PDB file of N, CA and C in Angstrom:
ATOM      1  N   UNK A   1      49.598  81.897  18.240  1.00  0.00           N
ATOM      2  CA  UNK A   1      49.986  80.633  17.651  1.00  0.00           C
ATOM      3  C   UNK A   1      49.827  79.518  18.692  1.00  0.00           C
ATOM      4  N   UNK A   2      49.144  78.462  18.346  1.00  0.00           N
ATOM      5  CA  UNK A   2      48.923  77.372  19.295  1.00  0.00           C
ATOM      6  C   UNK A   2      49.864  76.209  18.993  1.00  0.00           C
ATOM      7  N   UNK A   3      50.240  75.510  20.064  1.00  0.00           N
ATOM      8  CA  UNK A   3      51.096  74.346  19.911  1.00  0.00           C
ATOM      9  C   UNK A   3      50.234  73.112  19.692  1.00  0.00           C
ATOM     10  N   UNK A   4      50.772  72.171  18.914  1.00  0.00           N
ATOM     11  CA  UNK A   4      50.075  70.900  18.708  1.00  0.00           C
ATOM     12  C   UNK A   4      50.215  70.040  19.952  1.00  0.00           C
ATOM     13  N   UNK A   5      49.185  69.270  20.220  1.00  0.00           N
ATOM     14  CA  UNK A   5      49.271  68.293  21.304  1.00  0.00           C
ATOM     15  C   UNK A   5      50.232  67.188  20.874  1.00  0.00           C
ATOM     16  N   UNK A   6      50.972  66.621  21.813  1.00  0.00           N
ATOM     17  CA  UNK A   6      51.861  65.515  21.442  1.00  0.00           C
ATOM     18  C   UNK A   6      51.044  64.322  20.949  1.00  0.00           C
ATOM     19  N   UNK A   7      51.597  63.616  19.992  1.00  0.00           N
ATOM     20  CA  UNK A   7      50.907  62.434  19.459  1.00  0.00           C
ATOM     21  C   UNK A   7      50.952  61.313  20.489  1.00  0.00           C
ATOM     22  N   UNK A   8      49.881  60.560  20.536  1.00  0.00           N
ATOM     23  CA  UNK A   8      49.796  59.435  21.473  1.00  0.00           C
ATOM     24  C   UNK A   8      50.779  58.347  21.051  1.00  0.00           C
ATOM     25  N   UNK A   9      51.472  57.731  22.009  1.00  0.00           N
ATOM     26  CA  UNK A   9      52.373  56.622  21.687  1.00  0.00           C
ATOM     27  C   UNK A   9      51.627  55.504  20.962  1.00  0.00           C
ATOM     28  N   UNK A  10      52.350  54.785  20.129  1.00  0.00           N
ATOM     29  CA  UNK A  10      51.821  53.628  19.406  1.00  0.00           C
ATOM     30  C   UNK A  10      52.719  52.441  19.721  1.00  0.00           C
ATOM     31  N   UNK A  11      52.216  51.245  19.473  1.00  0.00           N
ATOM     32  CA  UNK A  11      53.033  50.042  19.601  1.00  0.00           C
ATOM     33  C   UNK A  11      52.488  48.950  18.701  1.00  0.00           C
ATOM     34  N   UNK A  12      53.356  48.012  18.361  1.00  0.00           N
ATOM     35  CA  UNK A  12      52.963  46.811  17.636  1.00  0.00           C
ATOM     36  C   UNK A  12      53.183  45.645  18.585  1.00  0.00           C
ATOM     37  N   UNK A  13      52.171  44.795  18.680  1.00  0.00           N
ATOM     38  CA  UNK A  13      52.205  43.685  19.630  1.00  0.00           C
ATOM     39  C   UNK A  13      51.926  42.359  18.931  1.00  0.00           C
ATOM     40  N   UNK A  14      52.475  41.298  19.484  1.00  0.00           N
ATOM     41  CA  UNK A  14      52.189  39.933  19.055  1.00  0.00           C
ATOM     42  C   UNK A  14      51.101  39.410  19.975  1.00  0.00           C
ATOM     43  N   UNK A  15      50.056  38.844  19.400  1.00  0.00           N
ATOM     44  CA  UNK A  15      48.916  38.378  20.191  1.00  0.00           C
ATOM     45  C   UNK A  15      48.987  36.881  20.459  1.00  0.00           C
ATOM     46  N   UNK A  16      48.345  36.470  21.531  1.00  0.00           N
ATOM     47  CA  UNK A  16      48.293  35.060  21.908  1.00  0.00           C
ATOM     48  C   UNK A  16      47.477  34.264  20.879  1.00  0.00           C
ATOM     49  N   UNK A  17      46.371  34.828  20.442  1.00  0.00           N
ATOM     50  CA  UNK A  17      45.475  34.131  19.510  1.00  0.00           C
ATOM     51  C   UNK A  17      44.982  35.062  18.428  1.00  0.00           C
ATOM     52  N   UNK A  18      43.651  35.212  18.350  1.00  0.00           N
ATOM     53  CA  UNK A  18      43.059  36.049  17.304  1.00  0.00           C
ATOM     54  C   UNK A  18      43.148  37.531  17.666  1.00  0.00           C
ATOM     55  N   UNK A  19      42.513  38.375  16.836  1.00  0.00           N
ATOM     56  CA  UNK A  19      42.628  39.829  16.988  1.00  0.00           C
ATOM     57  C   UNK A  19      42.057  40.365  18.304  1.00  0.00           C
ATOM     58  N   UNK A  20      41.261  39.582  19.002  1.00  0.00           N
ATOM     59  CA  UNK A  20      40.677  40.015  20.266  1.00  0.00           C
ATOM     60  C   UNK A  20      41.380  39.422  21.485  1.00  0.00           C
ATOM     61  N   UNK A  21      42.478  38.728  21.264  1.00  0.00           N
ATOM     62  CA  UNK A  21      43.155  38.046  22.369  1.00  0.00           C
ATOM     63  C   UNK A  21      44.144  38.952  23.105  1.00  0.00           C
ATOM     64  N   UNK A  22      44.721  38.415  24.149  1.00  0.00           N
ATOM     65  CA  UNK A  22      45.697  39.121  24.978  1.00  0.00           C
ATOM     66  C   UNK A  22      47.029  39.256  24.243  1.00  0.00           C
ATOM     67  N   UNK A  23      47.846  40.149  24.751  1.00  0.00           N
ATOM     68  CA  UNK A  23      49.178  40.381  24.194  1.00  0.00           C
ATOM     69  C   UNK A  23      50.146  39.329  24.705  1.00  0.00           C
ATOM     70  N   UNK A  24      50.943  38.804  23.787  1.00  0.00           N
ATOM     71  CA  UNK A  24      52.009  37.871  24.131  1.00  0.00           C
ATOM     72  C   UNK A  24      53.319  38.640  24.326  1.00  0.00           C
ATOM     73  N   UNK A  25      53.562  39.639  23.440  1.00  0.00           N
ATOM     74  CA  UNK A  25      54.828  40.378  23.478  1.00  0.00           C
ATOM     75  C   UNK A  25      54.673  41.725  22.772  1.00  0.00           C
ATOM     76  N   UNK A  26      55.317  42.754  23.286  1.00  0.00           N
ATOM     77  CA  UNK A  26      55.396  44.041  22.598  1.00  0.00           C
ATOM     78  C   UNK A  26      56.595  43.965  21.655  1.00  0.00           C
ATOM     79  N   UNK A  27      56.355  44.164  20.357  1.00  0.00           N
ATOM     80  CA  UNK A  27      57.403  44.020  19.355  1.00  0.00           C
ATOM     81  C   UNK A  27      58.102  45.330  19.018  1.00  0.00           C
ATOM     82  N   UNK A  28      57.366  46.447  19.079  1.00  0.00           N
ATOM     83  CA  UNK A  28      57.931  47.758  18.707  1.00  0.00           C
ATOM     84  C   UNK A  28      57.089  48.845  19.344  1.00  0.00           C
ATOM     85  N   UNK A  29      57.748  49.893  19.821  1.00  0.00           N
ATOM     86  CA  UNK A  29      57.046  51.060  20.358  1.00  0.00           C
ATOM     87  C   UNK A  29      57.476  52.299  19.591  1.00  0.00           C
ATOM     88  N   UNK A  30      56.559  53.259  19.464  1.00  0.00           N
ATOM     89  CA  UNK A  30      56.806  54.518  18.763  1.00  0.00           C
ATOM     90  C   UNK A  30      56.433  55.662  19.695  1.00  0.00           C
ATOM     91  N   UNK A  31      57.305  56.674  19.752  1.00  0.00           N
ATOM     92  CA  UNK A  31      57.064  57.836  20.599  1.00  0.00           C
ATOM     93  C   UNK A  31      57.437  59.103  19.836  1.00  0.00           C
ATOM     94  N   UNK A  32      56.745  60.187  20.146  1.00  0.00           N
ATOM     95  CA  UNK A  32      57.104  61.497  19.617  1.00  0.00           C
ATOM     96  C   UNK A  32      57.212  61.567  18.107  1.00  0.00           C
ATOM     97  N   UNK A  33      58.332  62.082  17.630  1.00  0.00           N
ATOM     98  CA  UNK A  33      58.534  62.300  16.194  1.00  0.00           C
ATOM     99  C   UNK A  33      58.645  61.020  15.380  1.00  0.00           C
ATOM    100  N   UNK A  34      58.893  59.883  16.025  1.00  0.00           N
ATOM    101  CA  UNK A  34      59.013  58.631  15.270  1.00  0.00           C
ATOM    102  C   UNK A  34      57.648  58.036  14.910  1.00  0.00           C
ATOM    103  N   UNK A  35      56.568  58.631  15.405  1.00  0.00           N
ATOM    104  CA  UNK A  35      55.222  58.124  15.100  1.00  0.00           C
ATOM    105  C   UNK A  35      54.850  58.534  13.686  1.00  0.00           C
ATOM    106  N   UNK A  36      54.568  57.535  12.871  1.00  0.00           N
ATOM    107  CA  UNK A  36      54.173  57.754  11.478  1.00  0.00           C
ATOM    108  C   UNK A  36      53.230  56.632  11.079  1.00  0.00           C
ATOM    109  N   UNK A  37      52.088  56.999  10.534  1.00  0.00           N
ATOM    110  CA  UNK A  37      51.145  55.981  10.072  1.00  0.00           C
ATOM    111  C   UNK A  37      51.761  55.068   9.035  1.00  0.00           C
ATOM    112  N   UNK A  38      52.548  55.648   8.124  1.00  0.00           N
ATOM    113  CA  UNK A  38      53.198  54.830   7.092  1.00  0.00           C
ATOM    114  C   UNK A  38      54.171  53.837   7.707  1.00  0.00           C
ATOM    115  N   UNK A  39      54.936  54.270   8.707  1.00  0.00           N
ATOM    116  CA  UNK A  39      55.902  53.395   9.366  1.00  0.00           C
ATOM    117  C   UNK A  39      55.188  52.274  10.127  1.00  0.00           C
ATOM    118  N   UNK A  40      54.131  52.611  10.843  1.00  0.00           N
ATOM    119  CA  UNK A  40      53.376  51.591  11.585  1.00  0.00           C
ATOM    120  C   UNK A  40      52.800  50.560  10.622  1.00  0.00           C
ATOM    121  N   UNK A  41      52.207  51.014   9.517  1.00  0.00           N
ATOM    122  CA  UNK A  41      51.632  50.081   8.543  1.00  0.00           C
ATOM    123  C   UNK A  41      52.698  49.180   7.925  1.00  0.00           C
ATOM    124  N   UNK A  42      53.852  49.747   7.596  1.00  0.00           N
ATOM    125  CA  UNK A  42      54.936  48.944   7.016  1.00  0.00           C
ATOM    126  C   UNK A  42      55.466  47.942   8.038  1.00  0.00           C
ATOM    127  N   UNK A  43      55.666  48.396   9.275  1.00  0.00           N
ATOM    128  CA  UNK A  43      56.215  47.511  10.307  1.00  0.00           C
ATOM    129  C   UNK A  43      55.255  46.383  10.667  1.00  0.00           C
ATOM    130  N   UNK A  44      53.956  46.648  10.680  1.00  0.00           N
ATOM    131  CA  UNK A  44      53.013  45.575  11.030  1.00  0.00           C
ATOM    132  C   UNK A  44      53.037  44.485   9.959  1.00  0.00           C
ATOM    133  N   UNK A  45      53.209  44.882   8.701  1.00  0.00           N
ATOM    134  CA  UNK A  45      53.332  43.894   7.612  1.00  0.00           C
ATOM    135  C   UNK A  45      54.614  43.067   7.782  1.00  0.00           C
ATOM    136  N   UNK A  46      55.704  43.742   8.142  1.00  0.00           N
ATOM    137  CA  UNK A  46      56.978  43.055   8.339  1.00  0.00           C
ATOM    138  C   UNK A  46      56.884  42.055   9.481  1.00  0.00           C
ATOM    139  N   UNK A  47      56.292  42.472  10.605  1.00  0.00           N
ATOM    140  CA  UNK A  47      56.158  41.558  11.741  1.00  0.00           C
ATOM    141  C   UNK A  47      55.207  40.408  11.432  1.00  0.00           C
ATOM    142  N   UNK A  48      54.145  40.660  10.679  1.00  0.00           N
ATOM    143  CA  UNK A  48      53.224  39.580  10.300  1.00  0.00           C
ATOM    144  C   UNK A  48      53.953  38.532   9.461  1.00  0.00           C
ATOM    145  N   UNK A  49      54.847  38.986   8.586  1.00  0.00           N
ATOM    146  CA  UNK A  49      55.635  38.048   7.774  1.00  0.00           C
ATOM    147  C   UNK A  49      56.645  37.284   8.635  1.00  0.00           C
ATOM    148  N   UNK A  50      57.150  37.925   9.673  1.00  0.00           N
ATOM    149  CA  UNK A  50      58.130  37.296  10.572  1.00  0.00           C
ATOM    150  C   UNK A  50      57.477  36.239  11.461  1.00  0.00           C
ATOM    151  N   UNK A  51      56.189  36.409  11.747  1.00  0.00           N
ATOM    152  CA  UNK A  51      55.449  35.490  12.615  1.00  0.00           C
ATOM    153  C   UNK A  51      54.258  34.890  11.849  1.00  0.00           C
ATOM    154  N   UNK A  52      54.519  34.088  10.809  1.00  0.00           N
ATOM    155  CA  UNK A  52      53.407  33.521  10.032  1.00  0.00           C
ATOM    156  C   UNK A  52      52.504  32.644  10.896  1.00  0.00           C
ATOM    157  N   UNK A  53      51.208  32.752  10.648  1.00  0.00           N
ATOM    158  CA  UNK A  53      50.236  31.987  11.419  1.00  0.00           C
ATOM    159  C   UNK A  53      49.848  32.641  12.730  1.00  0.00           C
ATOM    160  N   UNK A  54      50.490  33.767  13.069  1.00  0.00           N
ATOM    161  CA  UNK A  54      50.198  34.502  14.297  1.00  0.00           C
ATOM    162  C   UNK A  54      49.577  35.843  13.932  1.00  0.00           C
ATOM    163  N   UNK A  55      48.936  36.477  14.877  1.00  0.00           N
ATOM    164  CA  UNK A  55      48.330  37.788  14.651  1.00  0.00           C
ATOM    165  C   UNK A  55      49.154  38.855  15.361  1.00  0.00           C
ATOM    166  N   UNK A  56      49.475  39.923  14.618  1.00  0.00           N
ATOM    167  CA  UNK A  56      50.120  41.095  15.199  1.00  0.00           C
ATOM    168  C   UNK A  56      49.128  42.248  15.110  1.00  0.00           C
ATOM    169  N   UNK A  57      49.238  43.184  16.027  1.00  0.00           N
ATOM    170  CA  UNK A  57      48.285  44.294  16.075  1.00  0.00           C
ATOM    171  C   UNK A  57      49.003  45.592  16.406  1.00  0.00           C
ATOM    172  N   UNK A  58      48.392  46.706  15.972  1.00  0.00           N
ATOM    173  CA  UNK A  58      48.874  48.033  16.329  1.00  0.00           C
ATOM    174  C   UNK A  58      47.897  48.632  17.331  1.00  0.00           C
ATOM    175  N   UNK A  59      48.446  49.328  18.318  1.00  0.00           N
ATOM    176  CA  UNK A  59      47.640  49.961  19.358  1.00  0.00           C
ATOM    177  C   UNK A  59      48.153  51.372  19.607  1.00  0.00           C
ATOM    178  N   UNK A  60      47.271  52.244  20.079  1.00  0.00           N
ATOM    179  CA  UNK A  60      47.683  53.583  20.501  1.00  0.00           C
ATOM    180  C   UNK A  60      47.218  53.786  21.927  1.00  0.00           C
ATOM    181  N   UNK A  61      47.946  54.632  22.652  1.00  0.00           N
ATOM    182  CA  UNK A  61      47.650  54.864  24.060  1.00  0.00           C
ATOM    183  C   UNK A  61      46.670  56.013  24.197  1.00  0.00           C
ATOM    184  N   UNK A  62      45.451  55.689  24.620  1.00  0.00           N
ATOM    185  CA  UNK A  62      44.410  56.700  24.826  1.00  0.00           C
ATOM    186  C   UNK A  62      44.243  56.956  26.320  1.00  0.00           C
ATOM    187  N   UNK A  63      43.349  57.835  26.667  1.00  0.00           N
ATOM    188  CA  UNK A  63      43.062  58.109  28.075  1.00  0.00           C
ATOM    189  C   UNK A  63      42.515  56.883  28.789  1.00  0.00           C
ATOM    190  N   UNK A  64      41.944  55.956  28.024  1.00  0.00           N
ATOM    191  CA  UNK A  64      41.369  54.742  28.600  1.00  0.00           C
ATOM    192  C   UNK A  64      42.332  53.561  28.590  1.00  0.00           C
ATOM    193  N   UNK A  65      43.542  53.759  28.081  1.00  0.00           N
ATOM    194  CA  UNK A  65      44.518  52.677  27.994  1.00  0.00           C
ATOM    195  C   UNK A  65      44.848  52.366  26.543  1.00  0.00           C
ATOM    196  N   UNK A  66      45.511  51.253  26.321  1.00  0.00           N
ATOM    197  CA  UNK A  66      45.900  50.870  24.972  1.00  0.00           C
ATOM    198  C   UNK A  66      44.671  50.438  24.180  1.00  0.00           C
ATOM    199  N   UNK A  67      44.533  51.014  22.979  1.00  0.00           N
ATOM    200  CA  UNK A  67      43.395  50.746  22.103  1.00  0.00           C
ATOM    201  C   UNK A  67      43.894  50.152  20.799  1.00  0.00           C
ATOM    202  N   UNK A  68      43.411  48.979  20.462  1.00  0.00           N
ATOM    203  CA  UNK A  68      43.821  48.276  19.241  1.00  0.00           C
ATOM    204  C   UNK A  68      43.086  48.877  18.055  1.00  0.00           C
ATOM    205  N   UNK A  69      43.816  49.205  16.984  1.00  0.00           N
ATOM    206  CA  UNK A  69      43.167  49.794  15.817  1.00  0.00           C
ATOM    207  C   UNK A  69      43.510  49.116  14.508  1.00  0.00           C
ATOM    208  N   UNK A  70      44.446  48.192  14.510  1.00  0.00           N
ATOM    209  CA  UNK A  70      44.861  47.539  13.267  1.00  0.00           C
ATOM    210  C   UNK A  70      45.447  46.186  13.615  1.00  0.00           C
ATOM    211  N   UNK A  71      45.189  45.168  12.807  1.00  0.00           N
ATOM    212  CA  UNK A  71      45.782  43.860  13.038  1.00  0.00           C
ATOM    213  C   UNK A  71      46.050  43.202  11.701  1.00  0.00           C
ATOM    214  N   UNK A  72      46.957  42.226  11.724  1.00  0.00           N
ATOM    215  CA  UNK A  72      47.366  41.561  10.487  1.00  0.00           C
ATOM    216  C   UNK A  72      47.873  40.171  10.833  1.00  0.00           C
ATOM    217  N   UNK A  73      47.615  39.220   9.956  1.00  0.00           N
ATOM    218  CA  UNK A  73      48.240  37.900  10.094  1.00  0.00           C
ATOM    219  C   UNK A  73      48.487  37.334   8.709  1.00  0.00           C
ATOM    220  N   UNK A  74      49.480  36.499   8.612  1.00  0.00           N
ATOM    221  CA  UNK A  74      49.846  35.830   7.368  1.00  0.00           C
ATOM    222  C   UNK A  74      49.660  34.336   7.575  1.00  0.00           C
ATOM    223  N   UNK A  75      49.243  33.630   6.529  1.00  0.00           N
ATOM    224  CA  UNK A  75      49.106  32.186   6.677  1.00  0.00           C
ATOM    225  C   UNK A  75      50.467  31.539   6.962  1.00  0.00           C
ATOM    226  N   UNK A  76      50.453  30.446   7.709  1.00  0.00           N
ATOM    227  CA  UNK A  76      51.729  29.751   7.979  1.00  0.00           C
ATOM    228  C   UNK A  76      52.354  29.264   6.680  1.00  0.00           C
ATOM    229  N   UNK A  77      53.672  29.236   6.670  1.00  0.00           N
ATOM    230  CA  UNK A  77      54.392  28.710   5.495  1.00  0.00           C
ATOM    231  C   UNK A  77      54.120  27.224   5.367  1.00  0.00           C
ATOM    232  N   UNK A  78      53.985  26.781   4.128  1.00  0.00           N
ATOM    233  CA  UNK A  78      53.727  25.345   3.952  1.00  0.00           C
ATOM    234  C   UNK A  78      54.982  24.615   3.580  1.00  0.00           C
TER     235      UNK A  78
END
């Protein structure tokens, strides 16, 4: 019987500008059993709504460093 490799940590970040920009702030981190694709997708939507007009992104920690795989932004409230 083989053991599963541990899942790579994930995080949601607030970006300075567009989806290719630098990180302004780490909003949420996920480790171990708390890592869930459904949770990350739900949380990124929640953070995008909390920061209208800004871009939030999800990243996972690979051997090469943090890798961005998902981003979201909502139009500013009028």
